[in-house]
Amino acid sequence: MKPTLVVMAAGIGSRYGGLKQIDPIGPSGEIVIDYSVFDAIRAGFGKAVFIIRREIETAFKAISETHFRGRIPVDYAFQEIDDLPAGFRRPADRQKPWGTGHAILRCRDLVREPFAVINADDFYGRASFRVLAERLARQDASKAEYHLVGFVLRNTLSEHGSVARAICRSDARDRLTAIVERLKIEKDGRGARFLEGETWTPLTGDELCSMNMFGFTPALFPQLERGFAAFLQSSIAQPKAEYLIPTVVGDLIRAGEASVEVLTSNEKWYGVTYPQDKPAVVAGVRALIERGEYPAKLWA
């Protein structure tokens, strides 16, 4: 059974200032998702599921259905902040989506096979999809045996401001032992640093980090449901609290409820966290095309 690609495209993108999920970055109008789906198809994925919001449905489908029709089956899941378990109601001051863990939970009725999860606005590179597809194609769909594609931190930082990254640790068998979400990491000379409270802590830049490129099985969905209910019990009144997938994975590891293999990628990350990031992404894609990694017109 071929694995499925799940693309999280429901984020608001407040720092970017626009609908970055469908902002063109390729020479023929391609968006970041185009390159992810292109890489996924040639890596062996058999279906794509896009997690979006109802308010961007028309604009998003106008692109996705034109680009992907006849190339890979596509389905859609919708993340809305009012979609909560029985017994919970959205607080009046809640405007922010509930986070990546909640987003993935929204596709539980559409995915029955091992699946990869990625962000819509991150360019992960061909090799990253290939190594993850190889693992998922052999994965027992009933087991809580997961995978994380880790990136070298310095390869993932923006020149134009801070980013959120989950710093990872693994053991000698490449099993994830810890993953901690840092919401404000920025470049600092040849290294990096992160802010926690009012304190900056230095990083070397060589750390392995998560870019939300995971491999899961359907065993994750009941784990997400239980975890989300517990999250709401403790945090529903906090208007900016999020149920984040790195935190979910860390909790599952500590509880002995899942194992996670770390797959290291040396790919250069390209992403559009800020508007100023776009020229570098465009230039990076152009360089990959010149090297023969991608055709100039992706969907010719």
C-alpha atoms as a PDB file:
ATOM      1  CA  MET A   1       0.000   0.000   0.000  1.00  0.00           C
ATOM      2  CA  LYS A   2       1.383   3.388  -0.971  1.00  0.00           C
ATOM      3  CA  PRO A   3       1.699   5.979   1.812  1.00  0.00           C
ATOM      4  CA  THR A   4      -0.338   9.185   1.858  1.00  0.00           C
ATOM      5  CA  LEU A   5       0.984  12.742   2.023  1.00  0.00           C
ATOM      6  CA  VAL A   6      -0.834  15.012   4.499  1.00  0.00           C
ATOM      7  CA  VAL A   7      -0.180  18.721   3.964  1.00  0.00           C
ATOM      8  CA  MET A   8      -1.001  21.192   6.744  1.00  0.00           C
ATOM      9  CA  ALA A   9      -2.163  24.321   4.917  1.00  0.00           C
ATOM     10  CA  ALA A  10      -4.621  25.882   7.368  1.00  0.00           C
ATOM     11  CA  GLY A  11      -2.224  28.222   9.205  1.00  0.00           C
ATOM     12  CA  ILE A  12      -3.015  31.907   9.275  1.00  0.00           C
ATOM     13  CA  GLY A  13       0.535  33.061   8.482  1.00  0.00           C
ATOM     14  CA  SER A  14       0.317  36.301  10.473  1.00  0.00           C
ATOM     15  CA  ARG A  15       4.034  37.096  10.171  1.00  0.00           C
ATOM     16  CA  TYR A  16       3.962  36.651   6.402  1.00  0.00           C
ATOM     17  CA  GLY A  17       1.097  39.090   5.866  1.00  0.00           C
ATOM     18  CA  GLY A  18      -0.790  37.107   3.233  1.00  0.00           C
ATOM     19  CA  LEU A  19      -1.936  33.704   2.033  1.00  0.00           C
ATOM     20  CA  LYS A  20       1.549  32.245   1.748  1.00  0.00           C
ATOM     21  CA  GLN A  21       0.260  28.741   1.007  1.00  0.00           C
ATOM     22  CA  ILE A  22      -0.574  29.845  -2.567  1.00  0.00           C
ATOM     23  CA  ASP A  23       2.054  32.516  -3.185  1.00  0.00           C
ATOM     24  CA  PRO A  24       4.007  31.577  -6.385  1.00  0.00           C
ATOM     25  CA  ILE A  25       7.744  30.904  -6.038  1.00  0.00           C
ATOM     26  CA  GLY A  26       8.506  28.909  -9.218  1.00  0.00           C
ATOM     27  CA  PRO A  27       9.251  30.248 -12.734  1.00  0.00           C
ATOM     28  CA  SER A  28       5.912  29.021 -14.091  1.00  0.00           C
ATOM     29  CA  GLY A  29       3.815  30.129 -11.133  1.00  0.00           C
ATOM     30  CA  GLU A  30       4.474  27.059  -8.968  1.00  0.00           C
ATOM     31  CA  ILE A  31       3.819  27.340  -5.237  1.00  0.00           C
ATOM     32  CA  VAL A  32       5.799  25.578  -2.506  1.00  0.00           C
ATOM     33  CA  ILE A  33       3.174  22.831  -2.287  1.00  0.00           C
ATOM     34  CA  ASP A  34       3.676  22.043  -5.977  1.00  0.00           C
ATOM     35  CA  TYR A  35       7.269  21.041  -5.319  1.00  0.00           C
ATOM     36  CA  SER A  36       6.321  18.994  -2.260  1.00  0.00           C
ATOM     37  CA  VAL A  37       3.662  17.074  -4.190  1.00  0.00           C
ATOM     38  CA  PHE A  38       5.990  16.625  -7.169  1.00  0.00           C
ATOM     39  CA  ASP A  39       8.665  15.171  -4.874  1.00  0.00           C
ATOM     40  CA  ALA A  40       6.077  13.001  -3.117  1.00  0.00           C
ATOM     41  CA  ILE A  41       4.784  11.531  -6.375  1.00  0.00           C
ATOM     42  CA  ARG A  42       8.226  10.539  -7.598  1.00  0.00           C
ATOM     43  CA  ALA A  43       9.051   9.144  -4.137  1.00  0.00           C
ATOM     44  CA  GLY A  44       6.050   6.801  -4.323  1.00  0.00           C
ATOM     45  CA  PHE A  45       3.231   8.453  -2.351  1.00  0.00           C
ATOM     46  CA  GLY A  46      -0.209   7.452  -3.576  1.00  0.00           C
ATOM     47  CA  LYS A  47      -2.560  10.181  -2.313  1.00  0.00           C
ATOM     48  CA  ALA A  48      -2.478  13.747  -0.994  1.00  0.00           C
ATOM     49  CA  VAL A  49      -4.712  15.157   1.738  1.00  0.00           C
ATOM     50  CA  PHE A  50      -4.712  18.920   2.273  1.00  0.00           C
ATOM     51  CA  ILE A  51      -5.790  20.341   5.623  1.00  0.00           C
ATOM     52  CA  ILE A  52      -7.232  23.812   4.975  1.00  0.00           C
ATOM     53  CA  ARG A  53      -9.758  26.304   6.359  1.00  0.00           C
ATOM     54  CA  ARG A  54     -13.181  26.818   4.813  1.00  0.00           C
ATOM     55  CA  GLU A  55     -12.404  30.471   4.157  1.00  0.00           C
ATOM     56  CA  ILE A  56      -9.545  29.621   1.784  1.00  0.00           C
ATOM     57  CA  GLU A  57     -11.231  26.590   0.188  1.00  0.00           C
ATOM     58  CA  THR A  58     -12.127  28.238  -3.130  1.00  0.00           C
ATOM     59  CA  ALA A  59      -8.741  29.870  -3.675  1.00  0.00           C
ATOM     60  CA  PHE A  60      -6.821  26.785  -2.606  1.00  0.00           C
ATOM     61  CA  LYS A  61      -8.819  24.332  -4.715  1.00  0.00           C
ATOM     62  CA  ALA A  62      -8.529  26.558  -7.779  1.00  0.00           C
ATOM     63  CA  ILE A  63      -4.802  25.845  -7.715  1.00  0.00           C
ATOM     64  CA  SER A  64      -4.608  22.321  -6.316  1.00  0.00           C
ATOM     65  CA  GLU A  65      -7.254  20.774  -8.540  1.00  0.00           C
ATOM     66  CA  THR A  66      -5.736  22.346 -11.648  1.00  0.00           C
ATOM     67  CA  HIS A  67      -2.188  21.306 -10.813  1.00  0.00           C
ATOM     68  CA  PHE A  68      -2.753  17.824  -9.400  1.00  0.00           C
ATOM     69  CA  ARG A  69      -5.731  16.440 -11.320  1.00  0.00           C
ATOM     70  CA  GLY A  70      -4.739  13.223 -13.071  1.00  0.00           C
ATOM     71  CA  ARG A  71      -1.399  13.110 -11.248  1.00  0.00           C
ATOM     72  CA  ILE A  72      -2.346  12.034  -7.724  1.00  0.00           C
ATOM     73  CA  PRO A  73      -5.691  11.517  -5.932  1.00  0.00           C
ATOM     74  CA  VAL A  74      -6.509  14.489  -3.689  1.00  0.00           C
ATOM     75  CA  ASP A  75      -8.780  14.928  -0.693  1.00  0.00           C
ATOM     76  CA  TYR A  76      -9.426  17.753   1.781  1.00  0.00           C
ATOM     77  CA  ALA A  77      -9.854  18.037   5.522  1.00  0.00           C
ATOM     78  CA  PHE A  78     -10.912  21.234   7.257  1.00  0.00           C
ATOM     79  CA  GLN A  79      -9.492  22.699  10.447  1.00  0.00           C
ATOM     80  CA  GLU A  80     -11.847  25.077  12.225  1.00  0.00           C
ATOM     81  CA  ILE A  81     -11.479  26.442  15.733  1.00  0.00           C
ATOM     82  CA  ASP A  82     -15.073  25.480  16.610  1.00  0.00           C
ATOM     83  CA  ASP A  83     -14.401  21.805  15.880  1.00  0.00           C
ATOM     84  CA  LEU A  84     -13.974  20.532  19.435  1.00  0.00           C
ATOM     85  CA  PRO A  85     -14.841  17.278  21.241  1.00  0.00           C
ATOM     86  CA  ALA A  86     -18.163  16.944  23.030  1.00  0.00           C
ATOM     87  CA  GLY A  87     -18.230  18.901  26.253  1.00  0.00           C
ATOM     88  CA  PHE A  88     -15.950  21.716  25.056  1.00  0.00           C
ATOM     89  CA  ARG A  89     -16.816  25.111  23.567  1.00  0.00           C
ATOM     90  CA  ARG A  90     -14.512  27.673  22.024  1.00  0.00           C
ATOM     91  CA  PRO A  91     -13.916  30.648  24.326  1.00  0.00           C
ATOM     92  CA  ALA A  92     -15.118  33.954  22.918  1.00  0.00           C
ATOM     93  CA  ASP A  93     -11.597  35.387  22.802  1.00  0.00           C
ATOM     94  CA  ARG A  94     -10.105  32.442  20.893  1.00  0.00           C
ATOM     95  CA  GLN A  95      -9.000  33.487  17.381  1.00  0.00           C
ATOM     96  CA  LYS A  96      -5.936  31.297  16.817  1.00  0.00           C
ATOM     97  CA  PRO A  97      -6.212  27.739  15.393  1.00  0.00           C
ATOM     98  CA  TRP A  98      -5.631  24.960  17.920  1.00  0.00           C
ATOM     99  CA  GLY A  99      -2.296  23.870  16.449  1.00  0.00           C
ATOM    100  CA  THR A 100      -0.736  21.171  14.304  1.00  0.00           C
ATOM    101  CA  GLY A 101      -1.877  18.257  16.460  1.00  0.00           C
ATOM    102  CA  HIS A 102      -5.483  19.369  16.041  1.00  0.00           C
ATOM    103  CA  ALA A 103      -4.898  19.835  12.289  1.00  0.00           C
ATOM    104  CA  ILE A 104      -3.682  16.258  11.812  1.00  0.00           C
ATOM    105  CA  LEU A 105      -6.603  14.949  13.845  1.00  0.00           C
ATOM    106  CA  ARG A 106      -8.964  16.471  11.262  1.00  0.00           C
ATOM    107  CA  CYS A 107      -7.925  13.939   8.612  1.00  0.00           C
ATOM    108  CA  ARG A 108      -8.551  10.844  10.765  1.00  0.00           C
ATOM    109  CA  ASP A 109     -11.499   9.757   8.570  1.00  0.00           C
ATOM    110  CA  LEU A 110      -9.525  10.112   5.337  1.00  0.00           C
ATOM    111  CA  VAL A 111      -6.322   8.194   6.085  1.00  0.00           C
ATOM    112  CA  ARG A 112      -6.115   4.438   6.604  1.00  0.00           C
ATOM    113  CA  GLU A 113      -2.479   3.844   5.663  1.00  0.00           C
ATOM    114  CA  PRO A 114       0.944   5.054   6.845  1.00  0.00           C
ATOM    115  CA  PHE A 115       1.267   8.753   6.073  1.00  0.00           C
ATOM    116  CA  ALA A 116       3.681  11.643   6.022  1.00  0.00           C
ATOM    117  CA  VAL A 117       2.893  15.055   7.478  1.00  0.00           C
ATOM    118  CA  ILE A 118       4.447  18.294   6.208  1.00  0.00           C
ATOM    119  CA  ASN A 119       3.902  22.047   6.405  1.00  0.00           C
ATOM    120  CA  ALA A 120       2.483  23.715   3.304  1.00  0.00           C
ATOM    121  CA  ASP A 121       5.009  26.558   3.323  1.00  0.00           C
ATOM    122  CA  ASP A 122       8.259  24.609   3.771  1.00  0.00           C
ATOM    123  CA  PHE A 123      10.418  23.272   0.929  1.00  0.00           C
ATOM    124  CA  TYR A 124      11.907  20.001   2.192  1.00  0.00           C
ATOM    125  CA  GLY A 125      13.845  18.686  -0.815  1.00  0.00           C
ATOM    126  CA  ARG A 126      13.667  15.539  -2.904  1.00  0.00           C
ATOM    127  CA  ALA A 127      15.897  13.370  -0.698  1.00  0.00           C
ATOM    128  CA  SER A 128      13.736  14.032   2.373  1.00  0.00           C
ATOM    129  CA  PHE A 129      10.616  12.659   0.680  1.00  0.00           C
ATOM    130  CA  ARG A 130      12.491   9.671  -0.720  1.00  0.00           C
ATOM    131  CA  VAL A 131      13.878   8.471   2.616  1.00  0.00           C
ATOM    132  CA  LEU A 132      10.537   8.920   4.383  1.00  0.00           C
ATOM    133  CA  ALA A 133       8.585   7.155   1.624  1.00  0.00           C
ATOM    134  CA  GLU A 134      10.947   4.187   1.805  1.00  0.00           C
ATOM    135  CA  ARG A 135      10.276   3.781   5.526  1.00  0.00           C
ATOM    136  CA  LEU A 136       6.518   4.244   5.277  1.00  0.00           C
ATOM    137  CA  ALA A 137       6.175   1.746   2.427  1.00  0.00           C
ATOM    138  CA  ARG A 138       7.437  -0.981   4.781  1.00  0.00           C
ATOM    139  CA  GLN A 139       5.602   0.233   7.885  1.00  0.00           C
ATOM    140  CA  ASP A 140       3.003  -1.864   9.710  1.00  0.00           C
ATOM    141  CA  ALA A 141      -0.034   0.446   9.721  1.00  0.00           C
ATOM    142  CA  SER A 142      -1.287  -0.927  13.056  1.00  0.00           C
ATOM    143  CA  LYS A 143       1.805  -0.048  15.105  1.00  0.00           C
ATOM    144  CA  ALA A 144       2.765   3.196  16.840  1.00  0.00           C
ATOM    145  CA  GLU A 145       6.165   3.192  15.154  1.00  0.00           C
ATOM    146  CA  TYR A 146       6.791   6.621  13.706  1.00  0.00           C
ATOM    147  CA  HIS A 147       9.497   8.570  11.884  1.00  0.00           C
ATOM    148  CA  LEU A 148      10.857  12.107  11.999  1.00  0.00           C
ATOM    149  CA  VAL A 149      12.950  13.728   9.280  1.00  0.00           C
ATOM    150  CA  GLY A 150      15.401  15.948  11.155  1.00  0.00           C
ATOM    151  CA  PHE A 151      17.241  18.898   9.631  1.00  0.00           C
ATOM    152  CA  VAL A 152      20.451  20.619  10.710  1.00  0.00           C
ATOM    153  CA  LEU A 153      19.256  23.725  12.534  1.00  0.00           C
ATOM    154  CA  ARG A 154      21.485  26.240  10.734  1.00  0.00           C
ATOM    155  CA  ASN A 155      20.060  25.044   7.413  1.00  0.00           C
ATOM    156  CA  THR A 156      16.539  26.023   8.508  1.00  0.00           C
ATOM    157  CA  LEU A 157      16.864  29.559   9.854  1.00  0.00           C
ATOM    158  CA  SER A 158      15.490  32.729   8.296  1.00  0.00           C
ATOM    159  CA  GLU A 159      17.672  35.747   7.641  1.00  0.00           C
ATOM    160  CA  HIS A 160      14.758  38.007   8.509  1.00  0.00           C
ATOM    161  CA  GLY A 161      13.550  37.071  11.973  1.00  0.00           C
ATOM    162  CA  SER A 162      12.883  34.319  14.454  1.00  0.00           C
ATOM    163  CA  VAL A 163      11.287  30.963  13.663  1.00  0.00           C
ATOM    164  CA  ALA A 164       9.743  28.113  15.626  1.00  0.00           C
ATOM    165  CA  ARG A 165      11.661  24.855  15.591  1.00  0.00           C
ATOM    166  CA  ALA A 166      11.598  21.715  17.718  1.00  0.00           C
ATOM    167  CA  ILE A 167      15.093  20.743  18.896  1.00  0.00           C
ATOM    168  CA  CYS A 168      15.635  16.970  18.837  1.00  0.00           C
ATOM    169  CA  ARG A 169      17.850  14.457  20.592  1.00  0.00           C
ATOM    170  CA  SER A 170      18.345  10.838  19.591  1.00  0.00           C
ATOM    171  CA  ASP A 171      20.221   7.813  20.880  1.00  0.00           C
ATOM    172  CA  ALA A 172      22.849   5.589  19.245  1.00  0.00           C
ATOM    173  CA  ARG A 173      20.084   3.659  17.445  1.00  0.00           C
ATOM    174  CA  ASP A 174      18.676   6.871  15.912  1.00  0.00           C
ATOM    175  CA  ARG A 175      15.606   6.723  18.132  1.00  0.00           C
ATOM    176  CA  LEU A 176      14.163  10.035  19.238  1.00  0.00           C
ATOM    177  CA  THR A 177      14.666  10.546  22.972  1.00  0.00           C
ATOM    178  CA  ALA A 178      13.520  14.167  23.336  1.00  0.00           C
ATOM    179  CA  ILE A 179      11.881  16.883  21.240  1.00  0.00           C
ATOM    180  CA  VAL A 180      11.305  20.375  22.614  1.00  0.00           C
ATOM    181  CA  GLU A 181       9.453  23.091  20.725  1.00  0.00           C
ATOM    182  CA  ARG A 182      11.242  26.459  20.774  1.00  0.00           C
ATOM    183  CA  LEU A 183       8.969  29.208  19.532  1.00  0.00           C
ATOM    184  CA  LYS A 184      11.603  31.881  18.961  1.00  0.00           C
ATOM    185  CA  ILE A 185      14.931  30.819  17.434  1.00  0.00           C
ATOM    186  CA  GLU A 186      17.108  33.165  15.434  1.00  0.00           C
ATOM    187  CA  LYS A 187      20.553  33.317  13.874  1.00  0.00           C
ATOM    188  CA  ASP A 188      23.361  34.513  16.106  1.00  0.00           C
ATOM    189  CA  GLY A 189      26.677  34.846  14.316  1.00  0.00           C
ATOM    190  CA  ARG A 190      27.741  31.376  13.181  1.00  0.00           C
ATOM    191  CA  GLY A 191      25.306  29.752  15.568  1.00  0.00           C
ATOM    192  CA  ALA A 192      21.829  30.454  16.863  1.00  0.00           C
ATOM    193  CA  ARG A 193      19.951  31.280  20.036  1.00  0.00           C
ATOM    194  CA  PHE A 194      16.448  30.833  21.425  1.00  0.00           C
ATOM    195  CA  LEU A 195      14.348  32.972  23.735  1.00  0.00           C
ATOM    196  CA  GLU A 196      12.545  31.461  26.708  1.00  0.00           C
ATOM    197  CA  GLY A 197      10.819  33.963  28.934  1.00  0.00           C
ATOM    198  CA  GLU A 198      13.290  36.845  28.990  1.00  0.00           C
ATOM    199  CA  THR A 199      16.426  34.720  28.653  1.00  0.00           C
ATOM    200  CA  TRP A 200      18.376  34.008  25.467  1.00  0.00           C
ATOM    201  CA  THR A 201      20.137  30.625  25.342  1.00  0.00           C
ATOM    202  CA  PRO A 202      22.908  29.953  22.788  1.00  0.00           C
ATOM    203  CA  LEU A 203      22.840  27.093  20.272  1.00  0.00           C
ATOM    204  CA  THR A 204      25.639  25.865  18.032  1.00  0.00           C
ATOM    205  CA  GLY A 205      23.514  25.609  14.891  1.00  0.00           C
ATOM    206  CA  ASP A 206      24.517  21.951  14.516  1.00  0.00           C
ATOM    207  CA  GLU A 207      21.518  20.717  16.500  1.00  0.00           C
ATOM    208  CA  LEU A 208      18.990  18.493  14.787  1.00  0.00           C
ATOM    209  CA  CYS A 209      15.566  20.081  14.526  1.00  0.00           C
ATOM    210  CA  SER A 210      12.100  19.161  13.375  1.00  0.00           C
ATOM    211  CA  MET A 211      10.421  20.987  10.498  1.00  0.00           C
ATOM    212  CA  ASN A 212       7.153  19.094  11.062  1.00  0.00           C
ATOM    213  CA  MET A 213       8.094  16.396   8.544  1.00  0.00           C
ATOM    214  CA  PHE A 214       6.882  13.234  10.235  1.00  0.00           C
ATOM    215  CA  GLY A 215       5.887   9.722   9.239  1.00  0.00           C
ATOM    216  CA  PHE A 216       2.933   8.254  11.136  1.00  0.00           C
ATOM    217  CA  THR A 217       0.467   5.391  11.046  1.00  0.00           C
ATOM    218  CA  PRO A 218      -3.277   5.529  11.819  1.00  0.00           C
ATOM    219  CA  ALA A 219      -2.369   4.419  15.354  1.00  0.00           C
ATOM    220  CA  LEU A 220      -1.693   8.117  15.947  1.00  0.00           C
ATOM    221  CA  PHE A 221      -5.328   9.213  15.665  1.00  0.00           C
ATOM    222  CA  PRO A 222      -6.692   7.736  18.939  1.00  0.00           C
ATOM    223  CA  GLN A 223      -3.553   9.038  20.652  1.00  0.00           C
ATOM    224  CA  LEU A 224      -4.282  12.516  19.275  1.00  0.00           C
ATOM    225  CA  GLU A 225      -7.903  12.360  20.379  1.00  0.00           C
ATOM    226  CA  ARG A 226      -6.973  11.510  23.964  1.00  0.00           C
ATOM    227  CA  GLY A 227      -4.198  14.076  24.036  1.00  0.00           C
ATOM    228  CA  PHE A 228      -6.336  16.867  22.601  1.00  0.00           C
ATOM    229  CA  ALA A 229      -9.038  16.343  25.208  1.00  0.00           C
ATOM    230  CA  ALA A 230      -6.395  16.513  27.945  1.00  0.00           C
ATOM    231  CA  PHE A 231      -4.931  19.646  26.356  1.00  0.00           C
ATOM    232  CA  LEU A 232      -8.326  21.344  26.357  1.00  0.00           C
ATOM    233  CA  GLN A 233      -8.924  20.426  29.963  1.00  0.00           C
ATOM    234  CA  SER A 234      -5.793  22.279  31.013  1.00  0.00           C
ATOM    235  CA  SER A 235      -5.390  25.014  28.385  1.00  0.00           C
ATOM    236  CA  ILE A 236      -8.675  25.918  26.717  1.00  0.00           C
ATOM    237  CA  ALA A 237      -8.806  29.259  28.557  1.00  0.00           C
ATOM    238  CA  GLN A 238      -5.388  30.327  27.221  1.00  0.00           C
ATOM    239  CA  PRO A 239      -6.114  32.212  23.966  1.00  0.00           C
ATOM    240  CA  LYS A 240      -2.733  31.438  22.386  1.00  0.00           C
ATOM    241  CA  ALA A 241      -2.125  27.893  23.626  1.00  0.00           C
ATOM    242  CA  GLU A 242      -1.625  25.337  20.828  1.00  0.00           C
ATOM    243  CA  TYR A 243      -1.733  21.554  20.638  1.00  0.00           C
ATOM    244  CA  LEU A 244       1.533  21.071  18.741  1.00  0.00           C
ATOM    245  CA  ILE A 245       2.596  17.831  17.104  1.00  0.00           C
ATOM    246  CA  PRO A 246       6.208  17.961  18.409  1.00  0.00           C
ATOM    247  CA  THR A 247       4.833  18.201  21.942  1.00  0.00           C
ATOM    248  CA  VAL A 248       2.459  15.307  21.241  1.00  0.00           C
ATOM    249  CA  VAL A 249       5.344  13.178  19.954  1.00  0.00           C
ATOM    250  CA  GLY A 250       7.484  14.049  22.976  1.00  0.00           C
ATOM    251  CA  ASP A 251       4.677  13.090  25.349  1.00  0.00           C
ATOM    252  CA  LEU A 252       4.142   9.751  23.580  1.00  0.00           C
ATOM    253  CA  ILE A 253       7.846   8.913  23.806  1.00  0.00           C
ATOM    254  CA  ARG A 254       8.017   9.730  27.510  1.00  0.00           C
ATOM    255  CA  ALA A 255       4.922   7.619  28.170  1.00  0.00           C
ATOM    256  CA  GLY A 256       6.358   4.681  26.214  1.00  0.00           C
ATOM    257  CA  GLU A 257       3.368   4.777  23.844  1.00  0.00           C
ATOM    258  CA  ALA A 258       5.365   5.248  20.624  1.00  0.00           C
ATOM    259  CA  SER A 259       8.828   4.889  19.150  1.00  0.00           C
ATOM    260  CA  VAL A 260      10.203   7.395  16.645  1.00  0.00           C
ATOM    261  CA  GLU A 261      13.069   6.782  14.248  1.00  0.00           C
ATOM    262  CA  VAL A 262      15.094   9.878  13.342  1.00  0.00           C
ATOM    263  CA  LEU A 263      16.011  10.205   9.670  1.00  0.00           C
ATOM    264  CA  THR A 264      18.569  12.952   9.085  1.00  0.00           C
ATOM    265  CA  SER A 265      18.266  15.201   6.031  1.00  0.00           C
ATOM    266  CA  ASN A 266      21.100  17.427   4.872  1.00  0.00           C
ATOM    267  CA  GLU A 267      18.825  19.306   2.500  1.00  0.00           C
ATOM    268  CA  LYS A 268      18.797  23.099   2.577  1.00  0.00           C
ATOM    269  CA  TRP A 269      15.448  24.317   3.848  1.00  0.00           C
ATOM    270  CA  TYR A 270      13.552  27.012   2.000  1.00  0.00           C
ATOM    271  CA  GLY A 271      10.503  28.600   3.551  1.00  0.00           C
ATOM    272  CA  VAL A 272       8.405  31.748   3.560  1.00  0.00           C
ATOM    273  CA  THR A 273       7.965  32.687   7.186  1.00  0.00           C
ATOM    274  CA  TYR A 274       8.410  36.386   6.321  1.00  0.00           C
ATOM    275  CA  PRO A 275       7.751  38.307   3.069  1.00  0.00           C
ATOM    276  CA  GLN A 276      11.496  39.024   2.870  1.00  0.00           C
ATOM    277  CA  ASP A 277      12.160  35.268   2.677  1.00  0.00           C
ATOM    278  CA  LYS A 278      10.515  34.935  -0.730  1.00  0.00           C
ATOM    279  CA  PRO A 279      13.417  36.152  -2.948  1.00  0.00           C
ATOM    280  CA  ALA A 280      15.751  33.579  -1.365  1.00  0.00           C
ATOM    281  CA  VAL A 281      13.209  30.821  -1.957  1.00  0.00           C
ATOM    282  CA  VAL A 282      12.748  31.881  -5.579  1.00  0.00           C
ATOM    283  CA  ALA A 283      16.521  31.949  -6.095  1.00  0.00           C
ATOM    284  CA  GLY A 284      16.946  28.581  -4.370  1.00  0.00           C
ATOM    285  CA  VAL A 285      14.334  26.947  -6.594  1.00  0.00           C
ATOM    286  CA  ARG A 286      15.947  28.476  -9.670  1.00  0.00           C
ATOM    287  CA  ALA A 287      19.306  26.999  -8.666  1.00  0.00           C
ATOM    288  CA  LEU A 288      17.742  23.553  -8.214  1.00  0.00           C
ATOM    289  CA  ILE A 289      16.195  23.806 -11.670  1.00  0.00           C
ATOM    290  CA  GLU A 290      19.555  24.764 -13.170  1.00  0.00           C
ATOM    291  CA  ARG A 291      21.092  21.682 -11.513  1.00  0.00           C
ATOM    292  CA  GLY A 292      18.436  19.465 -13.072  1.00  0.00           C
ATOM    293  CA  GLU A 293      16.586  18.642  -9.846  1.00  0.00           C
ATOM    294  CA  TYR A 294      13.282  19.986 -11.243  1.00  0.00           C
ATOM    295  CA  PRO A 295      11.953  20.923 -14.674  1.00  0.00           C
ATOM    296  CA  ALA A 296      11.431  24.627 -15.376  1.00  0.00           C
ATOM    297  CA  LYS A 297       7.720  23.961 -15.854  1.00  0.00           C
ATOM    298  CA  LEU A 298       6.822  21.508 -13.132  1.00  0.00           C
ATOM    299  CA  TRP A 299       3.487  20.245 -14.488  1.00  0.00           C
ATOM    300  CA  ALA A 300       4.214  20.320 -18.219  1.00  0.00           C
END
